[in-house]
Amino acid sequence: MQDAERFQNYGFVNLVELIVDLKKGCDDTILNISGGYKALIPPLTLMAQLEKMPLLYLYEDSSKLIEIGPLPINFDWGVIEEFIVPLNNENKRKNARIEVIEEMRKKKLIQQDDFKLTTLGNLTAKYSNTASPFTATIFGYLIEHKLFECFLEVYGACNVEHSVEYEGKGDIDILITPKENEFISIEIKPSICLSDEDKMKDIAEKLVERSTIAIEKGERGSAVETWLIVYSYTAEKKEKPTLQDNEIKLLNGMAKLLKEKLNPSIVFRLKHLYIVQNDLKSERHIYQQFMKRTIKANQIVELFNSSEIKNS
């Protein structure tokens, strides 16, 4: 048992790193899986596909090497995006929301009885920041466009702007002017940020910085509300997630900062969007229906409203 655990936690990770380093020094690197432990064959086969390396093996008593060519397989990066932070940071993994941990265990990314990564988890973590087309931001941009499309229907094309940048300070993801001389600034993030104190502080500071510039320019009047819209993935339709005590504490702190820096009467709202997997087996990508359909306003549910907090 001890040797198996050591292999899973250290041996396989070290082997992957060694192979990647060898490949960097030689473009013609191949993997021959004829010998060695059987437990290495599945993960090395997957690694060969991801690294686009030729995979060879000897069939039984034959003296001829057989090559397995590249297969049309890859990770489902749309699912992995939500787990990028806990996959690559053990402390964040230990403090992640219980729903995130349960989903990671369900997907065999972490151990059932602790927070250590499985072999699959280690391999996924290895590639999540280098090979994913959706790492941290890109799928988020697609969601921004879907939400922008939603708010166009609600507020009208003249009153909604996407990716409004100010003086090289980054952009406000969505800016809404519901009334003359009033605007709402919106930031959109994956829900994993709610349990990350540093991330929440960074979001608040950027909202203050960019909204302040917008106010000073006087083009859209005063900031009356700021929204943080977070999204998470689910295999089935759910109504509303529950906030944990530490998340509520961070949100209260964020609301206080916005009131102090922007406007004592400003309202800070946290809204949530579930991205649901396809219910049709014929769909090729598990979020294909999400990308095809328009987000409806009632799918975005409010979890926090600073105006409902006494003495906030």
C-alpha atoms as a PDB file:
ATOM      1  CA  MET A   1       0.000   0.000   0.000  1.00  0.00           C
ATOM      2  CA  GLN A   2       2.784   2.361   0.951  1.00  0.00           C
ATOM      3  CA  ASP A   3       4.601   1.817  -2.356  1.00  0.00           C
ATOM      4  CA  ALA A   4       1.389   2.353  -4.325  1.00  0.00           C
ATOM      5  CA  GLU A   5       0.731   5.637  -2.540  1.00  0.00           C
ATOM      6  CA  ARG A   6       4.295   6.782  -3.108  1.00  0.00           C
ATOM      7  CA  PHE A   7       4.029   5.973  -6.805  1.00  0.00           C
ATOM      8  CA  GLN A   8       0.737   7.866  -7.115  1.00  0.00           C
ATOM      9  CA  ASN A   9       1.841  10.937  -5.166  1.00  0.00           C
ATOM     10  CA  TYR A  10       5.455  11.226  -6.307  1.00  0.00           C
ATOM     11  CA  GLY A  11       6.646   8.636  -8.786  1.00  0.00           C
ATOM     12  CA  PHE A  12       4.198   9.340 -11.574  1.00  0.00           C
ATOM     13  CA  VAL A  13       4.516  13.126 -11.242  1.00  0.00           C
ATOM     14  CA  ASN A  14       8.313  12.879 -11.391  1.00  0.00           C
ATOM     15  CA  LEU A  15       8.095  10.615 -14.444  1.00  0.00           C
ATOM     16  CA  VAL A  16       5.844  13.062 -16.284  1.00  0.00           C
ATOM     17  CA  GLU A  17       8.188  15.954 -15.517  1.00  0.00           C
ATOM     18  CA  LEU A  18      11.192  13.918 -16.683  1.00  0.00           C
ATOM     19  CA  ILE A  19       9.519  13.016 -19.990  1.00  0.00           C
ATOM     20  CA  VAL A  20       8.456  16.632 -20.608  1.00  0.00           C
ATOM     21  CA  ASP A  21      12.028  17.820 -19.935  1.00  0.00           C
ATOM     22  CA  LEU A  22      13.443  15.207 -22.314  1.00  0.00           C
ATOM     23  CA  LYS A  23      10.976  16.222 -24.998  1.00  0.00           C
ATOM     24  CA  LYS A  24      12.044  19.864 -24.690  1.00  0.00           C
ATOM     25  CA  GLY A  25      15.584  18.862 -25.573  1.00  0.00           C
ATOM     26  CA  CYS A  26      14.607  16.584 -28.447  1.00  0.00           C
ATOM     27  CA  ASP A  27      11.695  16.986 -30.831  1.00  0.00           C
ATOM     28  CA  ASP A  28      11.979  13.330 -31.888  1.00  0.00           C
ATOM     29  CA  THR A  29      11.288  11.874 -28.425  1.00  0.00           C
ATOM     30  CA  ILE A  30       9.133   8.726 -28.477  1.00  0.00           C
ATOM     31  CA  LEU A  31       7.548   6.612 -25.750  1.00  0.00           C
ATOM     32  CA  ASN A  32       8.061   2.842 -25.758  1.00  0.00           C
ATOM     33  CA  ILE A  33       5.645   1.249 -23.283  1.00  0.00           C
ATOM     34  CA  SER A  34       6.595  -2.380 -23.980  1.00  0.00           C
ATOM     35  CA  GLY A  35       8.168  -2.908 -20.569  1.00  0.00           C
ATOM     36  CA  GLY A  36       7.668  -1.533 -17.092  1.00  0.00           C
ATOM     37  CA  TYR A  37       4.688  -1.486 -14.769  1.00  0.00           C
ATOM     38  CA  LYS A  38       1.222  -2.015 -16.242  1.00  0.00           C
ATOM     39  CA  ALA A  39      -0.099   0.847 -14.107  1.00  0.00           C
ATOM     40  CA  LEU A  40       1.950   3.280 -16.216  1.00  0.00           C
ATOM     41  CA  ILE A  41       0.351   2.337 -19.535  1.00  0.00           C
ATOM     42  CA  PRO A  42      -2.992   4.245 -19.279  1.00  0.00           C
ATOM     43  CA  PRO A  43      -1.573   7.577 -18.061  1.00  0.00           C
ATOM     44  CA  LEU A  44       1.441   7.421 -20.397  1.00  0.00           C
ATOM     45  CA  THR A  45      -0.875   6.689 -23.318  1.00  0.00           C
ATOM     46  CA  LEU A  46      -2.911   9.775 -22.441  1.00  0.00           C
ATOM     47  CA  MET A  47       0.244  11.833 -21.984  1.00  0.00           C
ATOM     48  CA  ALA A  48       1.560  10.750 -25.378  1.00  0.00           C
ATOM     49  CA  GLN A  49      -1.671  11.938 -26.981  1.00  0.00           C
ATOM     50  CA  LEU A  50      -1.560  15.313 -25.221  1.00  0.00           C
ATOM     51  CA  GLU A  51       2.137  15.853 -25.931  1.00  0.00           C
ATOM     52  CA  LYS A  52       1.732  14.558 -29.498  1.00  0.00           C
ATOM     53  CA  MET A  53       4.512  12.002 -28.990  1.00  0.00           C
ATOM     54  CA  PRO A  54       4.760   8.723 -30.950  1.00  0.00           C
ATOM     55  CA  LEU A  55       3.772   5.781 -28.739  1.00  0.00           C
ATOM     56  CA  LEU A  56       5.381   2.400 -29.491  1.00  0.00           C
ATOM     57  CA  TYR A  57       5.084  -1.105 -28.042  1.00  0.00           C
ATOM     58  CA  LEU A  58       6.078  -4.683 -28.782  1.00  0.00           C
ATOM     59  CA  TYR A  59       3.166  -7.023 -29.410  1.00  0.00           C
ATOM     60  CA  GLU A  60       3.615 -10.254 -27.414  1.00  0.00           C
ATOM     61  CA  ASP A  61       6.647 -12.137 -28.797  1.00  0.00           C
ATOM     62  CA  SER A  62       6.958 -10.047 -31.942  1.00  0.00           C
ATOM     63  CA  SER A  63      10.240  -8.240 -32.594  1.00  0.00           C
ATOM     64  CA  LYS A  64       8.509  -5.436 -34.474  1.00  0.00           C
ATOM     65  CA  LEU A  65       7.479  -2.231 -32.747  1.00  0.00           C
ATOM     66  CA  ILE A  66       3.890  -1.165 -33.353  1.00  0.00           C
ATOM     67  CA  GLU A  67       3.110   2.553 -33.325  1.00  0.00           C
ATOM     68  CA  ILE A  68      -0.118   3.985 -31.929  1.00  0.00           C
ATOM     69  CA  GLY A  69      -0.901   7.121 -33.865  1.00  0.00           C
ATOM     70  CA  PRO A  70      -2.506  10.289 -32.480  1.00  0.00           C
ATOM     71  CA  LEU A  71      -6.152   9.925 -31.476  1.00  0.00           C
ATOM     72  CA  PRO A  72      -8.830  12.668 -31.528  1.00  0.00           C
ATOM     73  CA  ILE A  73      -8.999  12.914 -27.736  1.00  0.00           C
ATOM     74  CA  ASN A  74      -8.476  15.719 -25.231  1.00  0.00           C
ATOM     75  CA  PHE A  75      -9.569  16.918 -21.804  1.00  0.00           C
ATOM     76  CA  ASP A  76     -12.950  18.593 -21.439  1.00  0.00           C
ATOM     77  CA  TRP A  77     -11.438  21.973 -20.599  1.00  0.00           C
ATOM     78  CA  GLY A  78     -14.838  23.570 -20.001  1.00  0.00           C
ATOM     79  CA  VAL A  79     -15.172  21.394 -16.900  1.00  0.00           C
ATOM     80  CA  ILE A  80     -11.563  21.770 -15.815  1.00  0.00           C
ATOM     81  CA  GLU A  81     -11.661  25.582 -15.775  1.00  0.00           C
ATOM     82  CA  GLU A  82     -13.556  25.716 -12.501  1.00  0.00           C
ATOM     83  CA  PHE A  83     -10.947  23.519 -10.830  1.00  0.00           C
ATOM     84  CA  ILE A  84      -7.791  25.275 -12.059  1.00  0.00           C
ATOM     85  CA  VAL A  85      -7.140  27.041  -8.750  1.00  0.00           C
ATOM     86  CA  PRO A  86      -7.630  24.043  -6.390  1.00  0.00           C
ATOM     87  CA  LEU A  87      -5.823  21.722  -8.810  1.00  0.00           C
ATOM     88  CA  ASN A  88      -2.683  23.846  -8.688  1.00  0.00           C
ATOM     89  CA  ASN A  89      -2.781  25.084  -5.084  1.00  0.00           C
ATOM     90  CA  GLU A  90      -3.094  22.624  -2.191  1.00  0.00           C
ATOM     91  CA  ASN A  91      -4.017  25.299   0.372  1.00  0.00           C
ATOM     92  CA  LYS A  92      -6.817  26.626  -1.847  1.00  0.00           C
ATOM     93  CA  ARG A  93      -7.932  23.046  -2.389  1.00  0.00           C
ATOM     94  CA  LYS A  94      -8.231  22.437   1.356  1.00  0.00           C
ATOM     95  CA  ASN A  95     -10.316  25.603   1.761  1.00  0.00           C
ATOM     96  CA  ALA A  96     -12.475  25.225  -1.341  1.00  0.00           C
ATOM     97  CA  ARG A  97     -16.260  25.013  -1.180  1.00  0.00           C
ATOM     98  CA  ILE A  98     -17.546  21.576  -0.214  1.00  0.00           C
ATOM     99  CA  GLU A  99     -19.447  21.351  -3.528  1.00  0.00           C
ATOM    100  CA  VAL A 100     -16.179  21.873  -5.436  1.00  0.00           C
ATOM    101  CA  ILE A 101     -14.403  19.165  -3.420  1.00  0.00           C
ATOM    102  CA  GLU A 102     -17.274  16.718  -3.901  1.00  0.00           C
ATOM    103  CA  GLU A 103     -17.283  17.344  -7.646  1.00  0.00           C
ATOM    104  CA  MET A 104     -13.503  16.881  -7.845  1.00  0.00           C
ATOM    105  CA  ARG A 105     -13.817  13.570  -6.000  1.00  0.00           C
ATOM    106  CA  LYS A 106     -16.630  12.533  -8.302  1.00  0.00           C
ATOM    107  CA  LYS A 107     -14.375  13.230 -11.273  1.00  0.00           C
ATOM    108  CA  LYS A 108     -11.502  11.286  -9.614  1.00  0.00           C
ATOM    109  CA  LEU A 109      -9.261  14.357  -9.446  1.00  0.00           C
ATOM    110  CA  ILE A 110      -8.581  14.102  -5.691  1.00  0.00           C
ATOM    111  CA  GLN A 111      -8.533  11.258  -3.194  1.00  0.00           C
ATOM    112  CA  GLN A 112     -11.770  10.182  -1.519  1.00  0.00           C
ATOM    113  CA  ASP A 113     -10.440  10.466   2.035  1.00  0.00           C
ATOM    114  CA  ASP A 114      -8.101  13.491   1.826  1.00  0.00           C
ATOM    115  CA  PHE A 115      -7.165  16.434  -0.417  1.00  0.00           C
ATOM    116  CA  LYS A 116      -4.288  14.828  -2.322  1.00  0.00           C
ATOM    117  CA  LEU A 117      -4.480  14.721  -6.112  1.00  0.00           C
ATOM    118  CA  THR A 118      -5.015  11.378  -7.802  1.00  0.00           C
ATOM    119  CA  THR A 119      -2.886  10.309 -10.755  1.00  0.00           C
ATOM    120  CA  LEU A 120      -5.550  11.781 -13.040  1.00  0.00           C
ATOM    121  CA  GLY A 121      -5.594  14.952 -10.939  1.00  0.00           C
ATOM    122  CA  ASN A 122      -1.828  15.335 -11.191  1.00  0.00           C
ATOM    123  CA  LEU A 123      -1.915  14.849 -14.946  1.00  0.00           C
ATOM    124  CA  THR A 124      -4.793  17.309 -15.313  1.00  0.00           C
ATOM    125  CA  ALA A 125      -3.021  19.894 -13.135  1.00  0.00           C
ATOM    126  CA  LYS A 126       0.094  19.470 -15.244  1.00  0.00           C
ATOM    127  CA  TYR A 127      -1.722  20.472 -18.421  1.00  0.00           C
ATOM    128  CA  SER A 128      -4.419  22.801 -17.095  1.00  0.00           C
ATOM    129  CA  ASN A 129      -2.168  25.865 -17.246  1.00  0.00           C
ATOM    130  CA  THR A 130      -0.354  25.043 -20.464  1.00  0.00           C
ATOM    131  CA  ALA A 131      -2.573  23.202 -22.928  1.00  0.00           C
ATOM    132  CA  SER A 132      -6.116  24.265 -22.090  1.00  0.00           C
ATOM    133  CA  PRO A 133      -7.936  26.488 -24.597  1.00  0.00           C
ATOM    134  CA  PHE A 134     -10.134  27.661 -21.712  1.00  0.00           C
ATOM    135  CA  THR A 135      -7.521  28.257 -18.991  1.00  0.00           C
ATOM    136  CA  ALA A 136      -8.650  30.845 -16.455  1.00  0.00           C
ATOM    137  CA  THR A 137      -9.909  33.371 -19.003  1.00  0.00           C
ATOM    138  CA  ILE A 138     -10.995  32.187 -22.448  1.00  0.00           C
ATOM    139  CA  PHE A 139     -14.180  30.343 -21.506  1.00  0.00           C
ATOM    140  CA  GLY A 140     -14.853  33.272 -19.195  1.00  0.00           C
ATOM    141  CA  TYR A 141     -14.793  35.590 -22.218  1.00  0.00           C
ATOM    142  CA  LEU A 142     -17.417  33.428 -23.920  1.00  0.00           C
ATOM    143  CA  ILE A 143     -19.610  33.673 -20.817  1.00  0.00           C
ATOM    144  CA  GLU A 144     -19.128  37.467 -20.795  1.00  0.00           C
ATOM    145  CA  HIS A 145     -20.506  37.600 -24.341  1.00  0.00           C
ATOM    146  CA  LYS A 146     -23.488  35.432 -23.387  1.00  0.00           C
ATOM    147  CA  LEU A 147     -24.285  37.682 -20.399  1.00  0.00           C
ATOM    148  CA  PHE A 148     -23.809  40.791 -22.548  1.00  0.00           C
ATOM    149  CA  GLU A 149     -26.341  39.329 -24.966  1.00  0.00           C
ATOM    150  CA  CYS A 150     -28.734  38.716 -22.055  1.00  0.00           C
ATOM    151  CA  PHE A 151     -28.494  42.289 -20.711  1.00  0.00           C
ATOM    152  CA  LEU A 152     -29.008  43.745 -24.191  1.00  0.00           C
ATOM    153  CA  GLU A 153     -32.452  42.143 -24.129  1.00  0.00           C
ATOM    154  CA  VAL A 154     -33.202  43.482 -20.639  1.00  0.00           C
ATOM    155  CA  TYR A 155     -31.863  47.056 -20.831  1.00  0.00           C
ATOM    156  CA  GLY A 156     -31.649  47.772 -24.559  1.00  0.00           C
ATOM    157  CA  ALA A 157     -28.686  48.055 -26.907  1.00  0.00           C
ATOM    158  CA  CYS A 158     -28.070  51.738 -26.159  1.00  0.00           C
ATOM    159  CA  ASN A 159     -27.673  51.120 -22.438  1.00  0.00           C
ATOM    160  CA  VAL A 160     -25.279  48.158 -22.292  1.00  0.00           C
ATOM    161  CA  GLU A 161     -21.563  48.087 -23.123  1.00  0.00           C
ATOM    162  CA  HIS A 162     -19.093  45.222 -23.079  1.00  0.00           C
ATOM    163  CA  SER A 163     -15.431  45.416 -22.050  1.00  0.00           C
ATOM    164  CA  VAL A 164     -15.215  49.147 -21.315  1.00  0.00           C
ATOM    165  CA  GLU A 165     -11.540  50.003 -20.794  1.00  0.00           C
ATOM    166  CA  TYR A 166     -10.250  53.081 -18.999  1.00  0.00           C
ATOM    167  CA  GLU A 167      -6.735  54.522 -19.322  1.00  0.00           C
ATOM    168  CA  GLY A 168      -4.937  51.204 -19.449  1.00  0.00           C
ATOM    169  CA  LYS A 169      -6.359  50.134 -16.065  1.00  0.00           C
ATOM    170  CA  GLY A 170      -8.152  47.097 -17.457  1.00  0.00           C
ATOM    171  CA  ASP A 171     -11.795  46.878 -18.388  1.00  0.00           C
ATOM    172  CA  ILE A 172     -15.217  46.812 -16.775  1.00  0.00           C
ATOM    173  CA  ASP A 173     -16.631  43.525 -18.088  1.00  0.00           C
ATOM    174  CA  ILE A 174     -20.138  44.916 -18.595  1.00  0.00           C
ATOM    175  CA  LEU A 175     -21.360  48.465 -17.963  1.00  0.00           C
ATOM    176  CA  ILE A 176     -25.091  49.223 -17.820  1.00  0.00           C
ATOM    177  CA  THR A 177     -26.711  52.675 -17.782  1.00  0.00           C
ATOM    178  CA  PRO A 178     -30.278  51.891 -16.606  1.00  0.00           C
ATOM    179  CA  LYS A 179     -31.078  55.617 -16.188  1.00  0.00           C
ATOM    180  CA  GLU A 180     -29.502  58.863 -17.307  1.00  0.00           C
ATOM    181  CA  ASN A 181     -26.428  59.773 -15.202  1.00  0.00           C
ATOM    182  CA  GLU A 182     -26.392  56.389 -13.419  1.00  0.00           C
ATOM    183  CA  PHE A 183     -24.404  53.270 -14.199  1.00  0.00           C
ATOM    184  CA  ILE A 184     -23.871  49.706 -12.966  1.00  0.00           C
ATOM    185  CA  SER A 185     -20.396  48.170 -13.259  1.00  0.00           C
ATOM    186  CA  ILE A 186     -20.209  44.381 -13.513  1.00  0.00           C
ATOM    187  CA  GLU A 187     -17.327  41.964 -13.000  1.00  0.00           C
ATOM    188  CA  ILE A 188     -17.672  38.313 -14.120  1.00  0.00           C
ATOM    189  CA  LYS A 189     -15.640  35.505 -12.514  1.00  0.00           C
ATOM    190  CA  PRO A 190     -15.776  31.728 -11.875  1.00  0.00           C
ATOM    191  CA  SER A 191     -17.375  30.963  -8.495  1.00  0.00           C
ATOM    192  CA  ILE A 192     -14.129  29.551  -7.068  1.00  0.00           C
ATOM    193  CA  CYS A 193     -13.072  33.164  -6.408  1.00  0.00           C
ATOM    194  CA  LEU A 194     -15.618  33.450  -3.573  1.00  0.00           C
ATOM    195  CA  SER A 195     -13.432  31.447  -1.194  1.00  0.00           C
ATOM    196  CA  ASP A 196     -10.208  33.218  -2.201  1.00  0.00           C
ATOM    197  CA  GLU A 197      -9.579  36.258   0.030  1.00  0.00           C
ATOM    198  CA  ASP A 198      -6.765  37.636  -2.137  1.00  0.00           C
ATOM    199  CA  LYS A 199      -8.833  37.260  -5.300  1.00  0.00           C
ATOM    200  CA  MET A 200     -11.863  38.986  -3.777  1.00  0.00           C
ATOM    201  CA  LYS A 201      -9.706  41.872  -2.571  1.00  0.00           C
ATOM    202  CA  ASP A 202      -8.218  42.219  -6.057  1.00  0.00           C
ATOM    203  CA  ILE A 203     -11.689  42.223  -7.652  1.00  0.00           C
ATOM    204  CA  ALA A 204     -12.908  44.921  -5.241  1.00  0.00           C
ATOM    205  CA  GLU A 205      -9.866  47.125  -5.832  1.00  0.00           C
ATOM    206  CA  LYS A 206     -10.207  46.879  -9.599  1.00  0.00           C
ATOM    207  CA  LEU A 207     -13.928  47.665  -9.446  1.00  0.00           C
ATOM    208  CA  VAL A 208     -13.134  50.765  -7.380  1.00  0.00           C
ATOM    209  CA  GLU A 209     -10.290  51.861  -9.655  1.00  0.00           C
ATOM    210  CA  ARG A 210     -12.179  51.507 -12.929  1.00  0.00           C
ATOM    211  CA  SER A 211     -15.494  52.845 -11.616  1.00  0.00           C
ATOM    212  CA  THR A 212     -13.692  55.886 -10.156  1.00  0.00           C
ATOM    213  CA  ILE A 213     -12.239  56.710 -13.568  1.00  0.00           C
ATOM    214  CA  ALA A 214     -15.679  56.314 -15.143  1.00  0.00           C
ATOM    215  CA  ILE A 215     -17.158  58.701 -12.544  1.00  0.00           C
ATOM    216  CA  GLU A 216     -14.377  61.267 -13.004  1.00  0.00           C
ATOM    217  CA  LYS A 217     -14.872  61.288 -16.757  1.00  0.00           C
ATOM    218  CA  GLY A 218     -18.510  62.113 -16.123  1.00  0.00           C
ATOM    219  CA  GLU A 219     -19.703  60.326 -19.239  1.00  0.00           C
ATOM    220  CA  ARG A 220     -22.167  58.075 -17.453  1.00  0.00           C
ATOM    221  CA  GLY A 221     -22.810  59.845 -14.160  1.00  0.00           C
ATOM    222  CA  SER A 222     -22.615  58.104 -10.782  1.00  0.00           C
ATOM    223  CA  ALA A 223     -22.016  54.462  -9.930  1.00  0.00           C
ATOM    224  CA  VAL A 224     -25.251  53.358  -8.254  1.00  0.00           C
ATOM    225  CA  GLU A 225     -24.543  49.633  -8.189  1.00  0.00           C
ATOM    226  CA  THR A 226     -21.689  47.188  -8.668  1.00  0.00           C
ATOM    227  CA  TRP A 227     -22.291  43.510  -9.410  1.00  0.00           C
ATOM    228  CA  LEU A 228     -20.080  40.492  -9.169  1.00  0.00           C
ATOM    229  CA  ILE A 229     -21.531  37.726 -11.314  1.00  0.00           C
ATOM    230  CA  VAL A 230     -20.009  34.314 -10.654  1.00  0.00           C
ATOM    231  CA  TYR A 231     -20.615  31.157 -12.637  1.00  0.00           C
ATOM    232  CA  SER A 232     -20.195  27.477 -11.868  1.00  0.00           C
ATOM    233  CA  TYR A 233     -20.785  24.200 -13.663  1.00  0.00           C
ATOM    234  CA  THR A 234     -23.377  21.554 -12.889  1.00  0.00           C
ATOM    235  CA  ALA A 235     -24.504  18.294 -14.439  1.00  0.00           C
ATOM    236  CA  GLU A 236     -28.155  18.986 -13.615  1.00  0.00           C
ATOM    237  CA  LYS A 237     -30.390  22.016 -13.187  1.00  0.00           C
ATOM    238  CA  LYS A 238     -30.144  23.643  -9.770  1.00  0.00           C
ATOM    239  CA  GLU A 239     -31.988  26.628  -8.373  1.00  0.00           C
ATOM    240  CA  LYS A 240     -29.541  28.432  -6.114  1.00  0.00           C
ATOM    241  CA  PRO A 241     -26.236  27.683  -4.342  1.00  0.00           C
ATOM    242  CA  THR A 242     -25.712  28.462  -0.659  1.00  0.00           C
ATOM    243  CA  LEU A 243     -23.066  30.896   0.560  1.00  0.00           C
ATOM    244  CA  GLN A 244     -20.719  29.808   3.321  1.00  0.00           C
ATOM    245  CA  ASP A 245     -19.944  31.979   6.357  1.00  0.00           C
ATOM    246  CA  ASN A 246     -16.415  32.854   5.200  1.00  0.00           C
ATOM    247  CA  GLU A 247     -17.779  33.893   1.794  1.00  0.00           C
ATOM    248  CA  ILE A 248     -20.398  36.155   3.373  1.00  0.00           C
ATOM    249  CA  LYS A 249     -17.646  37.738   5.471  1.00  0.00           C
ATOM    250  CA  LEU A 250     -15.583  38.461   2.339  1.00  0.00           C
ATOM    251  CA  LEU A 251     -18.645  39.896   0.566  1.00  0.00           C
ATOM    252  CA  ASN A 252     -19.421  42.186   3.512  1.00  0.00           C
ATOM    253  CA  GLY A 253     -15.833  43.431   3.431  1.00  0.00           C
ATOM    254  CA  MET A 254     -16.086  44.021  -0.306  1.00  0.00           C
ATOM    255  CA  ALA A 255     -19.347  45.956   0.107  1.00  0.00           C
ATOM    256  CA  LYS A 256     -17.777  48.110   2.839  1.00  0.00           C
ATOM    257  CA  LEU A 257     -14.799  48.965   0.634  1.00  0.00           C
ATOM    258  CA  LEU A 258     -17.048  49.925  -2.296  1.00  0.00           C
ATOM    259  CA  LYS A 259     -19.125  52.194  -0.065  1.00  0.00           C
ATOM    260  CA  GLU A 260     -16.024  53.896   1.354  1.00  0.00           C
ATOM    261  CA  LYS A 261     -14.268  54.387  -1.980  1.00  0.00           C
ATOM    262  CA  LEU A 262     -17.148  54.998  -4.382  1.00  0.00           C
ATOM    263  CA  ASN A 263     -20.444  56.006  -2.838  1.00  0.00           C
ATOM    264  CA  PRO A 264     -21.943  55.474   0.676  1.00  0.00           C
ATOM    265  CA  SER A 265     -25.274  54.559  -0.891  1.00  0.00           C
ATOM    266  CA  ILE A 266     -23.907  52.242  -3.577  1.00  0.00           C
ATOM    267  CA  VAL A 267     -25.459  48.763  -3.715  1.00  0.00           C
ATOM    268  CA  PHE A 268     -23.217  45.745  -4.144  1.00  0.00           C
ATOM    269  CA  ARG A 269     -24.843  42.570  -5.467  1.00  0.00           C
ATOM    270  CA  LEU A 270     -23.521  39.062  -5.934  1.00  0.00           C
ATOM    271  CA  LYS A 271     -25.299  37.112  -8.666  1.00  0.00           C
ATOM    272  CA  HIS A 272     -24.806  33.522  -9.739  1.00  0.00           C
ATOM    273  CA  LEU A 273     -25.185  31.642 -13.010  1.00  0.00           C
ATOM    274  CA  TYR A 274     -25.211  27.862 -13.341  1.00  0.00           C
ATOM    275  CA  ILE A 275     -23.786  26.489 -16.577  1.00  0.00           C
ATOM    276  CA  VAL A 276     -25.635  23.233 -17.100  1.00  0.00           C
ATOM    277  CA  GLN A 277     -24.356  20.292 -19.113  1.00  0.00           C
ATOM    278  CA  ASN A 278     -26.334  19.107 -22.125  1.00  0.00           C
ATOM    279  CA  ASP A 279     -29.402  16.980 -21.545  1.00  0.00           C
ATOM    280  CA  LEU A 280     -29.195  15.580 -25.074  1.00  0.00           C
ATOM    281  CA  LYS A 281     -26.711  12.764 -25.609  1.00  0.00           C
ATOM    282  CA  SER A 282     -26.424  13.681 -29.275  1.00  0.00           C
ATOM    283  CA  GLU A 283     -24.663  16.950 -28.422  1.00  0.00           C
ATOM    284  CA  ARG A 284     -20.955  16.647 -29.136  1.00  0.00           C
ATOM    285  CA  HIS A 285     -19.699  19.060 -26.464  1.00  0.00           C
ATOM    286  CA  ILE A 286     -21.248  18.920 -22.990  1.00  0.00           C
ATOM    287  CA  TYR A 287     -21.881  22.710 -22.991  1.00  0.00           C
ATOM    288  CA  GLN A 288     -23.002  22.953 -26.602  1.00  0.00           C
ATOM    289  CA  GLN A 289     -26.581  23.795 -25.628  1.00  0.00           C
ATOM    290  CA  PHE A 290     -25.370  26.561 -23.317  1.00  0.00           C
ATOM    291  CA  MET A 291     -23.461  28.226 -26.139  1.00  0.00           C
ATOM    292  CA  LYS A 292     -26.383  27.846 -28.553  1.00  0.00           C
ATOM    293  CA  ARG A 293     -29.043  29.327 -26.272  1.00  0.00           C
ATOM    294  CA  THR A 294     -29.571  32.820 -24.928  1.00  0.00           C
ATOM    295  CA  ILE A 295     -29.170  33.251 -21.178  1.00  0.00           C
ATOM    296  CA  LYS A 296     -32.443  34.338 -19.612  1.00  0.00           C
ATOM    297  CA  ALA A 297     -32.439  36.954 -16.848  1.00  0.00           C
ATOM    298  CA  ASN A 298     -34.148  34.569 -14.426  1.00  0.00           C
ATOM    299  CA  GLN A 299     -31.195  32.158 -14.735  1.00  0.00           C
ATOM    300  CA  ILE A 300     -29.005  34.745 -12.984  1.00  0.00           C
ATOM    301  CA  VAL A 301     -29.971  34.538  -9.310  1.00  0.00           C
ATOM    302  CA  GLU A 302     -29.012  36.999  -6.589  1.00  0.00           C
ATOM    303  CA  LEU A 303     -27.128  35.583  -3.586  1.00  0.00           C
ATOM    304  CA  PHE A 304     -26.086  38.777  -1.791  1.00  0.00           C
ATOM    305  CA  ASN A 305     -27.382  42.352  -1.626  1.00  0.00           C
ATOM    306  CA  SER A 306     -25.552  44.917   0.513  1.00  0.00           C
ATOM    307  CA  SER A 307     -28.699  47.058   0.938  1.00  0.00           C
ATOM    308  CA  GLU A 308     -30.207  44.223   2.983  1.00  0.00           C
ATOM    309  CA  ILE A 309     -27.341  44.281   5.484  1.00  0.00           C
ATOM    310  CA  LYS A 310     -27.934  46.449   8.537  1.00  0.00           C
ATOM    311  CA  ASN A 311     -25.263  49.042   9.344  1.00  0.00           C
ATOM    312  CA  SER A 312     -23.244  48.024   6.298  1.00  0.00           C
END
